[in-house]
Amino acid sequence: MTNRITKKTLEAKLERLNAKLYENDYRTYGTGVFTTTAKMDLDFAECYGGYCLVNYKGSHHATPRMSGKEMDQYLNGALDWIT
């Protein structure tokens, strides 16, 4: 087991998170509960401090910039909370 966090591992976790968010939207469709979940994307800029989650094609930052390890823990927490 390795402790290395790569962009691929973060993107895989983000894909799982997006799938869970859309799954929850699908369940509430037609129940009168209006939820609109924007697909989250992973943005990386080393000069600005690392990774952040953005939505609406990068126009809104959902999280502040953080290191790869911090983003990994953030996504783990988000997946635990949503499931």
Protein backbone atom coordinates (compact mmCIF):
# COMPACT_ATOMS: atom_id res chain seq x y z
CA MET A 1 0.00 0.00 0.00
CA THR A 2 1.29 3.41 -0.90
CA ASN A 3 0.53 6.79 0.61
CA ARG A 4 1.03 8.59 -2.69
CA ILE A 5 -1.89 10.78 -3.73
CA THR A 6 -2.09 11.36 -7.48
CA LYS A 7 -4.45 13.34 -9.64
CA LYS A 8 -5.91 10.03 -10.90
CA THR A 9 -6.84 8.90 -7.39
CA LEU A 10 -8.46 12.25 -6.62
CA GLU A 11 -10.40 12.22 -9.91
CA ALA A 12 -11.63 8.67 -9.22
CA LYS A 13 -12.97 9.73 -5.82
CA LEU A 14 -14.53 12.83 -7.34
CA GLU A 15 -16.29 10.71 -9.97
CA ARG A 16 -17.75 8.56 -7.17
CA LEU A 17 -18.88 11.70 -5.34
CA ASN A 18 -20.52 13.14 -8.47
CA ALA A 19 -22.28 9.82 -9.10
CA LYS A 20 -23.63 9.78 -5.53
CA LEU A 21 -24.81 13.39 -5.78
CA TYR A 22 -26.65 12.71 -9.05
CA GLU A 23 -28.08 9.48 -7.64
CA ASN A 24 -29.61 11.46 -4.78
CA ASP A 25 -31.06 13.99 -7.25
CA TYR A 26 -32.60 11.15 -9.27
CA ARG A 27 -34.28 9.72 -6.17
CA THR A 28 -35.93 13.05 -5.33
CA TYR A 29 -37.09 13.70 -8.90
CA GLY A 30 -40.87 14.05 -8.97
CA THR A 31 -41.25 14.27 -5.18
CA GLY A 32 -41.59 18.03 -5.07
CA VAL A 33 -38.09 18.41 -3.64
CA PHE A 34 -36.12 20.63 -5.97
CA THR A 35 -32.40 20.04 -5.96
CA THR A 36 -29.99 21.01 -8.65
CA THR A 37 -26.55 19.55 -8.27
CA ALA A 38 -23.81 20.96 -10.41
CA LYS A 39 -21.10 18.55 -11.49
CA MET A 40 -17.92 19.18 -9.52
CA ASP A 41 -14.55 19.29 -11.28
CA LEU A 42 -11.04 19.10 -9.91
CA ASP A 43 -8.84 22.10 -10.63
CA PHE A 44 -5.09 22.10 -10.05
CA ALA A 45 -2.77 25.09 -10.04
CA GLU A 46 0.52 24.61 -8.24
CA CYS A 47 1.30 28.32 -8.25
CA TYR A 48 -1.97 29.08 -6.39
CA GLY A 49 -1.65 26.38 -3.75
CA GLY A 50 -2.83 23.05 -5.16
CA TYR A 51 -6.22 21.48 -5.76
CA CYS A 52 -9.73 22.87 -5.39
CA LEU A 53 -13.21 21.76 -6.38
CA VAL A 54 -14.98 23.94 -8.90
CA ASN A 55 -18.43 23.80 -10.44
CA TYR A 56 -20.25 25.51 -13.28
CA LYS A 57 -17.27 24.94 -15.62
CA GLY A 58 -14.78 26.53 -13.26
CA SER A 59 -16.62 29.76 -12.53
CA HIS A 60 -17.36 28.93 -8.86
CA HIS A 61 -14.87 27.56 -6.35
CA ALA A 62 -16.60 25.14 -4.00
CA THR A 63 -13.51 24.68 -1.80
CA PRO A 64 -10.39 26.68 -1.09
CA ARG A 65 -7.06 25.51 -2.54
CA MET A 66 -5.45 22.64 -0.62
CA SER A 67 -2.72 20.05 -0.97
CA GLY A 68 -3.33 16.63 -2.50
CA LYS A 69 -3.45 14.93 0.90
CA GLU A 70 -5.93 17.47 2.23
CA MET A 71 -8.13 17.08 -0.86
CA ASP A 72 -8.01 13.30 -0.45
CA GLN A 73 -9.24 13.59 3.13
CA TYR A 74 -11.89 16.13 2.08
CA LEU A 75 -13.24 13.77 -0.60
CA ASN A 76 -13.18 10.83 1.84
CA GLY A 77 -15.26 12.87 4.28
CA ALA A 78 -17.67 13.98 1.58
CA LEU A 79 -18.15 10.38 0.39
CA ASP A 80 -18.71 9.18 3.96
CA TRP A 81 -21.23 11.95 4.59
CA ILE A 82 -23.19 11.40 1.37
CA THR A 83 -23.48 7.59 1.69
